[in-house]
Amino acid sequence: MDFSLLLVVAVAITGLIWLLDIVWWRSVRRRKLAAVEAGTTEGLDETARERAMKEPWPVDYARSFFPVLLVVLLLRSFLVEPFQIPSGSMRPTLEIGDFILVNKYAYGLRLPVTHTRIVEFGEPERGDVMVFRFPSEPSVNFIKRVVGLPGDTVRYEDKQLYINGELVPKQLLDEAPATAPGEWLLEEQLGEMSHHIYNNPRDPGPRVREIVVPDGHYFTMGDNRDHSNDSRYWGFVPEENVVGKAFAVWMHWNGGLPSFTQVRRIH
């Protein structure tokens, strides 16, 4: 079930109940109170007055929850949304169990549920760590690094990445990292910022012949290059599937106690 849809429905229901109380039910209770007061010669004590004006429980709940739900909806739809990393496809940048924050306005404001972009602020840049809805199953969110922009020519062969005919530079840092036995740890310069990737020297990996990224689409790859289900296998990410830019890890939790020692920016 789409959490955004549930949140929108909850906001709509609680807001409607609260609005009906303001414009109608509240005046009905006041008229009833006035009628009771007019029909008694001794007046009403405070307890009877409170009982006559008591809000029905749906109104009480709606008045309490509507502002909270509305703030949550606005925050996660237009500002920042949290996600948890479920797989190792972005190692070593992101580990399984990392809780990340995603900037929802970096690439423009989108309406919840429909995902229609209503305000344009910017576009994904090469090297961004981007969250998007998986093209063949939009209810599932993916996170990968943006490699190819619209109009770019991309080729991946013998574990070498080429953008517009130029080899993307990378440097070997460790042939036997303790955190990933059997992998090579490398530093890759993609865009303006460098980042770390893993390559498995014994795995030939997929080959991508020279392709051109269509307008309105992006080519993405995981930093764990030989263990990532990305654009090399299923194609391009449409612009309308873009969710936002991941910018920070705020917590790590993978079954034990939550850890805040790994708080960091995402590069």
Protein backbone atom coordinates (compact mmCIF):
# COMPACT_ATOMS: atom_id res chain seq x y z
CA MET A 1 0.00 0.00 0.00
CA ASP A 2 1.29 3.48 -0.94
CA PHE A 3 2.02 5.31 2.32
CA SER A 4 1.65 8.69 0.59
CA LEU A 5 -1.86 7.73 -0.51
CA LEU A 6 -2.79 6.62 3.02
CA LEU A 7 -1.44 9.87 4.42
CA VAL A 8 -3.36 11.98 1.91
CA VAL A 9 -6.58 10.08 2.68
CA ALA A 10 -6.05 10.48 6.43
CA VAL A 11 -5.46 14.22 6.06
CA ALA A 12 -8.54 14.58 3.86
CA ILE A 13 -10.84 12.67 6.26
CA THR A 14 -9.66 14.37 9.45
CA GLY A 15 -9.68 17.77 7.77
CA LEU A 16 -13.21 17.27 6.45
CA ILE A 17 -14.52 16.21 9.84
CA TRP A 18 -12.90 19.21 11.52
CA LEU A 19 -14.26 21.56 8.85
CA LEU A 20 -17.80 20.17 9.19
CA ASP A 21 -17.59 20.72 12.93
CA ILE A 22 -16.52 24.34 12.45
CA VAL A 23 -19.19 25.25 9.90
CA TRP A 24 -22.09 23.12 11.13
CA TRP A 25 -21.86 20.73 14.11
CA ARG A 26 -20.50 23.35 16.50
CA SER A 27 -23.44 25.67 15.84
CA VAL A 28 -25.83 22.72 16.25
CA ARG A 29 -24.41 22.04 19.72
CA ARG A 30 -24.73 25.72 20.64
CA ARG A 31 -28.38 25.79 19.55
CA LYS A 32 -29.08 22.69 21.63
CA LEU A 33 -27.41 24.30 24.63
CA ALA A 34 -29.42 27.48 24.15
CA ALA A 35 -32.64 25.47 23.90
CA VAL A 36 -31.88 23.59 27.10
CA GLU A 37 -31.00 26.80 28.93
CA ALA A 38 -34.20 28.45 27.72
CA GLY A 39 -36.28 25.54 28.97
CA THR A 40 -35.00 25.57 32.53
CA THR A 41 -35.72 28.16 35.19
CA GLU A 42 -32.81 27.25 37.44
CA GLY A 43 -30.11 27.41 34.76
CA LEU A 44 -27.44 24.82 34.11
CA ASP A 45 -24.48 23.91 36.28
CA GLU A 46 -20.99 23.76 34.71
CA THR A 47 -21.05 19.97 34.36
CA ALA A 48 -24.32 20.03 32.42
CA ARG A 49 -23.00 22.85 30.23
CA GLU A 50 -19.83 20.91 29.37
CA ARG A 51 -21.90 17.79 28.63
CA ALA A 52 -24.13 19.72 26.25
CA MET A 53 -21.15 21.21 24.39
CA LYS A 54 -18.96 18.08 24.39
CA GLU A 55 -17.47 17.26 21.00
CA PRO A 56 -18.26 13.82 19.49
CA TRP A 57 -15.22 11.54 19.54
CA PRO A 58 -14.65 11.71 15.74
CA VAL A 59 -14.39 15.50 15.99
CA ASP A 60 -12.08 15.29 18.98
CA TYR A 61 -9.74 12.87 17.18
CA ALA A 62 -9.86 14.85 13.92
CA ARG A 63 -9.02 18.13 15.67
CA SER A 64 -6.06 16.45 17.41
CA PHE A 65 -4.61 14.52 14.45
CA PHE A 66 -5.30 16.77 11.46
CA PRO A 67 -2.54 19.36 12.16
CA VAL A 68 0.02 16.62 12.85
CA LEU A 69 -0.88 14.62 9.75
CA LEU A 70 -0.86 17.76 7.61
CA VAL A 71 2.62 18.77 8.78
CA VAL A 72 3.94 15.23 8.15
CA LEU A 73 2.39 15.21 4.66
CA LEU A 74 3.90 18.58 3.75
CA LEU A 75 7.34 17.68 5.12
CA ARG A 76 7.68 14.29 3.41
CA SER A 77 6.05 15.45 0.16
CA PHE A 78 7.92 18.71 -0.39
CA LEU A 79 10.95 18.89 1.92
CA VAL A 80 12.59 15.73 3.32
CA GLU A 81 11.59 12.06 3.36
CA PRO A 82 13.36 9.27 5.27
CA PHE A 83 14.22 5.91 3.69
CA GLN A 84 15.96 2.75 4.86
CA ILE A 85 18.58 1.01 2.72
CA PRO A 86 17.47 -2.65 2.24
CA SER A 87 20.29 -3.97 0.04
CA GLY A 88 24.03 -3.71 -0.52
CA SER A 89 23.87 -2.36 -4.09
CA MET A 90 25.23 1.03 -3.01
CA ARG A 91 28.10 -0.23 -0.86
CA PRO A 92 30.50 1.17 0.23
CA THR A 93 28.63 4.50 0.09
CA LEU A 94 25.53 3.11 1.81
CA GLU A 95 25.29 0.02 3.98
CA ILE A 96 22.31 -2.25 4.62
CA GLY A 97 20.39 -0.74 7.53
CA ASP A 98 21.38 2.88 6.89
CA PHE A 99 18.54 5.35 7.36
CA ILE A 100 18.89 8.19 4.90
CA LEU A 101 17.31 11.57 4.29
CA VAL A 102 16.17 12.50 0.79
CA ASN A 103 15.81 16.07 -0.41
CA LYS A 104 12.39 16.21 -2.08
CA TYR A 105 12.75 19.70 -3.59
CA ALA A 106 16.25 19.38 -5.12
CA TYR A 107 14.70 18.35 -8.44
CA GLY A 108 11.46 20.33 -8.11
CA LEU A 109 8.26 20.02 -6.10
CA ARG A 110 5.94 17.12 -6.90
CA LEU A 111 2.41 16.42 -5.78
CA PRO A 112 1.99 13.37 -3.53
CA VAL A 113 0.37 10.26 -5.04
CA THR A 114 0.31 11.59 -8.63
CA HIS A 115 4.02 12.62 -8.52
CA THR A 116 3.31 15.45 -10.95
CA ARG A 117 6.04 18.10 -10.88
CA ILE A 118 4.49 21.50 -10.20
CA VAL A 119 7.62 23.60 -9.57
CA GLU A 120 11.02 23.14 -11.22
CA PHE A 121 14.11 23.89 -9.11
CA GLY A 122 16.78 21.79 -10.76
CA GLU A 123 17.64 18.54 -12.49
CA PRO A 124 19.65 15.48 -11.41
CA GLU A 125 23.37 15.92 -11.95
CA ARG A 126 25.97 13.34 -12.84
CA GLY A 127 27.23 11.74 -9.64
CA ASP A 128 24.07 12.41 -7.57
CA VAL A 129 22.77 9.60 -5.37
CA MET A 130 19.14 9.54 -6.46
CA VAL A 131 16.01 7.83 -5.16
CA PHE A 132 13.45 6.91 -7.81
CA ARG A 133 10.46 4.67 -8.35
CA PHE A 134 11.49 1.47 -10.14
CA PRO A 135 10.25 1.82 -13.75
CA SER A 136 8.70 -1.66 -13.99
CA GLU A 137 7.23 -1.56 -10.45
CA PRO A 138 6.62 2.07 -9.40
CA SER A 139 5.52 1.09 -5.89
CA VAL A 140 9.14 0.08 -5.13
CA ASN A 141 11.78 2.75 -4.47
CA PHE A 142 15.32 2.28 -5.76
CA ILE A 143 18.47 4.22 -4.92
CA LYS A 144 21.38 4.45 -7.38
CA ARG A 145 23.99 6.90 -8.60
CA VAL A 146 23.21 9.03 -11.64
CA VAL A 147 25.74 8.17 -14.36
CA GLY A 148 24.19 9.29 -17.63
CA LEU A 149 22.16 12.44 -18.23
CA PRO A 150 19.73 13.02 -21.11
CA GLY A 151 21.70 13.06 -24.35
CA ASP A 152 24.81 11.40 -22.88
CA THR A 153 26.51 8.50 -24.60
CA VAL A 154 27.28 5.72 -22.10
CA ARG A 155 29.46 2.61 -22.48
CA TYR A 156 30.48 0.08 -19.85
CA GLU A 157 33.00 -2.58 -20.81
CA ASP A 158 35.66 -4.55 -18.88
CA LYS A 159 34.58 -2.69 -15.74
CA GLN A 160 35.44 0.61 -17.38
CA LEU A 161 32.83 3.34 -17.61
CA TYR A 162 32.87 5.76 -20.55
CA ILE A 163 30.75 8.93 -20.71
CA ASN A 164 30.57 10.71 -24.05
CA GLY A 165 33.58 8.75 -25.24
CA GLU A 166 35.76 9.68 -22.26
CA LEU A 167 36.97 7.17 -19.69
CA VAL A 168 35.69 7.95 -16.18
CA PRO A 169 38.84 8.00 -14.04
CA LYS A 170 39.18 5.73 -11.03
CA GLN A 171 42.01 4.81 -8.69
CA LEU A 172 42.62 1.54 -6.85
CA LEU A 173 42.68 2.08 -3.07
CA ASP A 174 42.64 -1.45 -1.63
CA GLU A 175 42.79 -4.91 -3.23
CA ALA A 176 41.49 -6.65 -0.09
CA PRO A 177 39.21 -4.39 1.97
CA ALA A 178 38.24 -5.96 5.31
CA THR A 179 34.61 -4.92 4.88
CA ALA A 180 34.25 -6.61 1.47
CA PRO A 181 36.42 -9.71 0.98
CA GLY A 182 37.02 -10.51 -2.67
CA GLU A 183 36.27 -6.97 -3.85
CA TRP A 184 38.53 -4.14 -4.91
CA LEU A 185 37.93 -0.72 -3.35
CA LEU A 186 38.36 2.11 -5.85
CA GLU A 187 37.81 5.85 -5.92
CA GLU A 188 35.88 7.08 -8.94
CA GLN A 189 35.60 10.66 -10.17
CA LEU A 190 32.10 11.05 -11.56
CA GLY A 191 30.94 14.60 -11.90
CA GLU A 192 32.35 17.18 -9.52
CA MET A 193 32.77 14.85 -6.55
CA SER A 194 34.65 11.61 -6.07
CA HIS A 195 33.18 8.54 -4.41
CA HIS A 196 34.15 4.97 -3.57
CA ILE A 197 33.02 1.89 -5.50
CA TYR A 198 33.54 -1.87 -5.31
CA ASN A 199 34.62 -4.05 -8.23
CA ASN A 200 35.01 -7.81 -8.23
CA PRO A 201 38.08 -8.70 -10.31
CA ARG A 202 36.82 -12.26 -10.89
CA ASP A 203 33.38 -11.27 -12.16
CA PRO A 204 33.30 -10.10 -15.80
CA GLY A 205 30.07 -8.25 -15.12
CA PRO A 206 27.59 -6.96 -17.70
CA ARG A 207 28.63 -5.18 -20.86
CA VAL A 208 26.80 -2.12 -22.10
CA ARG A 209 27.50 -1.20 -25.69
CA GLU A 210 27.47 2.46 -26.56
CA ILE A 211 23.98 3.80 -25.92
CA VAL A 212 22.47 7.28 -25.91
CA VAL A 213 20.33 8.32 -22.94
CA PRO A 214 16.94 9.53 -24.26
CA ASP A 215 15.54 12.95 -23.39
CA GLY A 216 13.75 12.95 -20.05
CA HIS A 217 15.60 9.83 -18.83
CA TYR A 218 18.65 8.94 -16.72
CA PHE A 219 21.14 6.07 -16.66
CA THR A 220 21.95 4.89 -13.12
CA MET A 221 24.40 2.44 -11.55
CA GLY A 222 25.06 1.14 -8.06
CA ASP A 223 28.41 1.77 -6.38
CA ASN A 224 28.68 -1.96 -5.68
CA ARG A 225 29.18 -2.42 -9.40
CA ASP A 226 29.08 -6.22 -9.61
CA HIS A 227 26.18 -6.60 -7.17
CA SER A 228 23.66 -4.03 -8.34
CA ASN A 229 20.42 -4.32 -10.28
CA ASP A 230 20.58 -1.06 -12.21
CA SER A 231 20.23 0.54 -15.66
CA ARG A 232 22.69 -1.93 -17.15
CA TYR A 233 19.98 -4.59 -16.79
CA TRP A 234 16.61 -2.86 -17.10
CA GLY A 235 17.21 0.45 -18.86
CA PHE A 236 16.61 4.11 -18.11
CA VAL A 237 14.86 6.00 -15.31
CA PRO A 238 12.08 8.30 -16.61
CA GLU A 239 12.05 11.82 -15.20
CA GLU A 240 8.55 11.32 -13.79
CA ASN A 241 9.87 8.48 -11.59
CA VAL A 242 12.41 10.67 -9.80
CA VAL A 243 11.77 11.01 -6.05
CA GLY A 244 14.67 13.09 -4.75
CA LYS A 245 18.36 13.42 -3.91
CA ALA A 246 19.83 11.46 -0.98
CA PHE A 247 22.03 13.76 1.07
CA ALA A 248 22.64 12.30 4.55
CA VAL A 249 22.70 9.15 6.70
CA TRP A 250 21.11 9.96 10.05
CA MET A 251 20.95 6.52 11.70
CA HIS A 252 22.05 2.91 11.21
CA TRP A 253 19.93 0.01 12.40
CA ASN A 254 20.25 -3.55 11.21
CA GLY A 255 18.58 -5.67 13.87
CA GLY A 256 20.46 -4.60 17.01
CA LEU A 257 20.44 -1.28 18.79
CA PRO A 258 20.15 1.82 16.60
CA SER A 259 23.48 3.56 16.03
CA PHE A 260 24.05 7.26 15.47
CA THR A 261 27.84 7.00 15.19
CA GLN A 262 27.68 6.72 11.39
CA VAL A 263 25.88 10.01 10.76
CA ARG A 264 27.40 11.50 7.61
CA ARG A 265 26.75 13.31 4.37
CA ILE A 266 26.29 11.24 1.23
CA HIS A 267 28.76 11.84 -1.59
